[in-house]
C-alpha atoms as a PDB file:
ATOM      1  CA  MET A   1     125.824 150.502 134.478  1.00  0.00           C
ATOM      2  CA  THR A   2     125.437 150.274 138.222  1.00  0.00           C
ATOM      3  CA  ARG A   3     126.871 147.480 140.283  1.00  0.00           C
ATOM      4  CA  VAL A   4     124.371 145.429 142.261  1.00  0.00           C
ATOM      5  CA  ALA A   5     125.426 144.659 145.813  1.00  0.00           C
ATOM      6  CA  VAL A   6     124.768 141.001 146.582  1.00  0.00           C
ATOM      7  CA  PRO A   7     125.354 139.791 150.102  1.00  0.00           C
ATOM      8  CA  ARG A   8     128.367 137.490 150.261  1.00  0.00           C
ATOM      9  CA  ARG A   9     126.377 134.773 152.007  1.00  0.00           C
ATOM     10  CA  ALA A  10     123.774 134.749 149.227  1.00  0.00           C
ATOM     11  CA  ALA A  11     126.468 134.541 146.548  1.00  0.00           C
ATOM     12  CA  VAL A  12     128.150 131.616 148.317  1.00  0.00           C
ATOM     13  CA  ALA A  13     124.811 129.846 148.725  1.00  0.00           C
ATOM     14  CA  LEU A  14     124.004 130.321 145.026  1.00  0.00           C
ATOM     15  CA  ALA A  15     127.438 129.028 143.967  1.00  0.00           C
ATOM     16  CA  THR A  16     127.061 126.008 146.255  1.00  0.00           C
ATOM     17  CA  LEU A  17     123.611 125.271 144.869  1.00  0.00           C
ATOM     18  CA  ALA A  18     124.875 125.522 141.290  1.00  0.00           C
ATOM     19  CA  ALA A  19     127.795 123.187 142.015  1.00  0.00           C
ATOM     20  CA  ALA A  20     125.581 120.649 143.785  1.00  0.00           C
ATOM     21  CA  THR A  21     123.100 120.703 140.906  1.00  0.00           C
ATOM     22  CA  ALA A  22     125.864 120.124 138.371  1.00  0.00           C
ATOM     23  CA  LEU A  23     127.217 117.202 140.393  1.00  0.00           C
ATOM     24  CA  LEU A  24     123.795 115.617 140.714  1.00  0.00           C
ATOM     25  CA  LEU A  25     122.987 116.031 137.018  1.00  0.00           C
ATOM     26  CA  THR A  26     126.290 114.507 135.908  1.00  0.00           C
ATOM     27  CA  GLY A  27     126.278 111.721 138.460  1.00  0.00           C
ATOM     28  CA  CYS A  28     129.550 112.866 139.994  1.00  0.00           C
ATOM     29  CA  THR A  29     128.511 112.284 143.558  1.00  0.00           C
ATOM     30  CA  PRO A  30     130.681 110.383 146.031  1.00  0.00           C
ATOM     31  CA  GLY A  31     130.291 106.671 145.464  1.00  0.00           C
ATOM     32  CA  ALA A  32     128.841 107.069 141.958  1.00  0.00           C
ATOM     33  CA  THR A  33     129.848 104.349 139.531  1.00  0.00           C
ATOM     34  CA  ALA A  34     129.347 104.040 135.812  1.00  0.00           C
ATOM     35  CA  LYS A  35     127.048 101.162 135.017  1.00  0.00           C
ATOM     36  CA  PRO A  36     126.118 100.599 131.377  1.00  0.00           C
ATOM     37  CA  THR A  37     122.452  99.779 131.014  1.00  0.00           C
ATOM     38  CA  GLY A  38     122.718  97.860 127.781  1.00  0.00           C
ATOM     39  CA  THR A  39     125.023  96.586 125.120  1.00  0.00           C
ATOM     40  CA  ALA A  40     125.278  97.468 121.466  1.00  0.00           C
ATOM     41  CA  ASP A  41     124.790  94.625 119.069  1.00  0.00           C
ATOM     42  CA  ASP A  42     127.135  94.073 116.142  1.00  0.00           C
ATOM     43  CA  ALA A  43     124.723  95.629 113.630  1.00  0.00           C
ATOM     44  CA  THR A  44     124.514  98.823 115.672  1.00  0.00           C
ATOM     45  CA  VAL A  45     128.287  99.060 115.926  1.00  0.00           C
ATOM     46  CA  LYS A  46     128.675  98.548 112.167  1.00  0.00           C
ATOM     47  CA  ASP A  47     125.984 101.155 111.464  1.00  0.00           C
ATOM     48  CA  MET A  48     127.691 103.679 113.720  1.00  0.00           C
ATOM     49  CA  GLN A  49     131.068 102.947 112.111  1.00  0.00           C
ATOM     50  CA  GLN A  50     129.560 103.431 108.644  1.00  0.00           C
ATOM     51  CA  LYS A  51     128.110 106.792 109.690  1.00  0.00           C
ATOM     52  CA  LEU A  52     131.482 107.837 111.094  1.00  0.00           C
ATOM     53  CA  ASP A  53     133.244 106.797 107.891  1.00  0.00           C
ATOM     54  CA  ASP A  54     130.684 108.708 105.806  1.00  0.00           C
ATOM     55  CA  ALA A  55     131.131 111.825 107.939  1.00  0.00           C
ATOM     56  CA  GLU A  56     134.917 111.644 107.647  1.00  0.00           C
ATOM     57  CA  SER A  57     134.644 111.198 103.891  1.00  0.00           C
ATOM     58  CA  ALA A  58     132.303 114.177 103.598  1.00  0.00           C
ATOM     59  CA  ALA A  59     134.655 116.303 105.691  1.00  0.00           C
ATOM     60  CA  ALA A  60     137.618 115.325 103.519  1.00  0.00           C
ATOM     61  CA  GLN A  61     135.631 116.141 100.375  1.00  0.00           C
ATOM     62  CA  ALA A  62     134.583 119.518 101.782  1.00  0.00           C
ATOM     63  CA  ASP A  63     138.209 120.256 102.659  1.00  0.00           C
ATOM     64  CA  ALA A  64     139.317 119.338  99.160  1.00  0.00           C
ATOM     65  CA  ASP A  65     136.581 121.523  97.641  1.00  0.00           C
ATOM     66  CA  ALA A  66     137.553 124.453  99.852  1.00  0.00           C
ATOM     67  CA  THR A  67     141.200 124.054  98.849  1.00  0.00           C
ATOM     68  CA  GLN A  68     140.275 124.093  95.153  1.00  0.00           C
ATOM     69  CA  ASN A  69     138.114 127.207  95.550  1.00  0.00           C
ATOM     70  CA  ASN A  70     140.891 129.185  97.227  1.00  0.00           C
END
């Protein structure tokens, strides 16, 4: 495999562009603040909690099954 010579200036420019893009996409620019756009109602919170409980139960059951099979 041959090594490709990339001018240092081009490499720095590409790295800078990649970093700036990442900052813009994540909202990590100077002065950025987190502002929630909405609120979850009680039913949504309960539904999400139920799904989390179900997932934890399924994981515990899978762990128990794996322990029995070994």
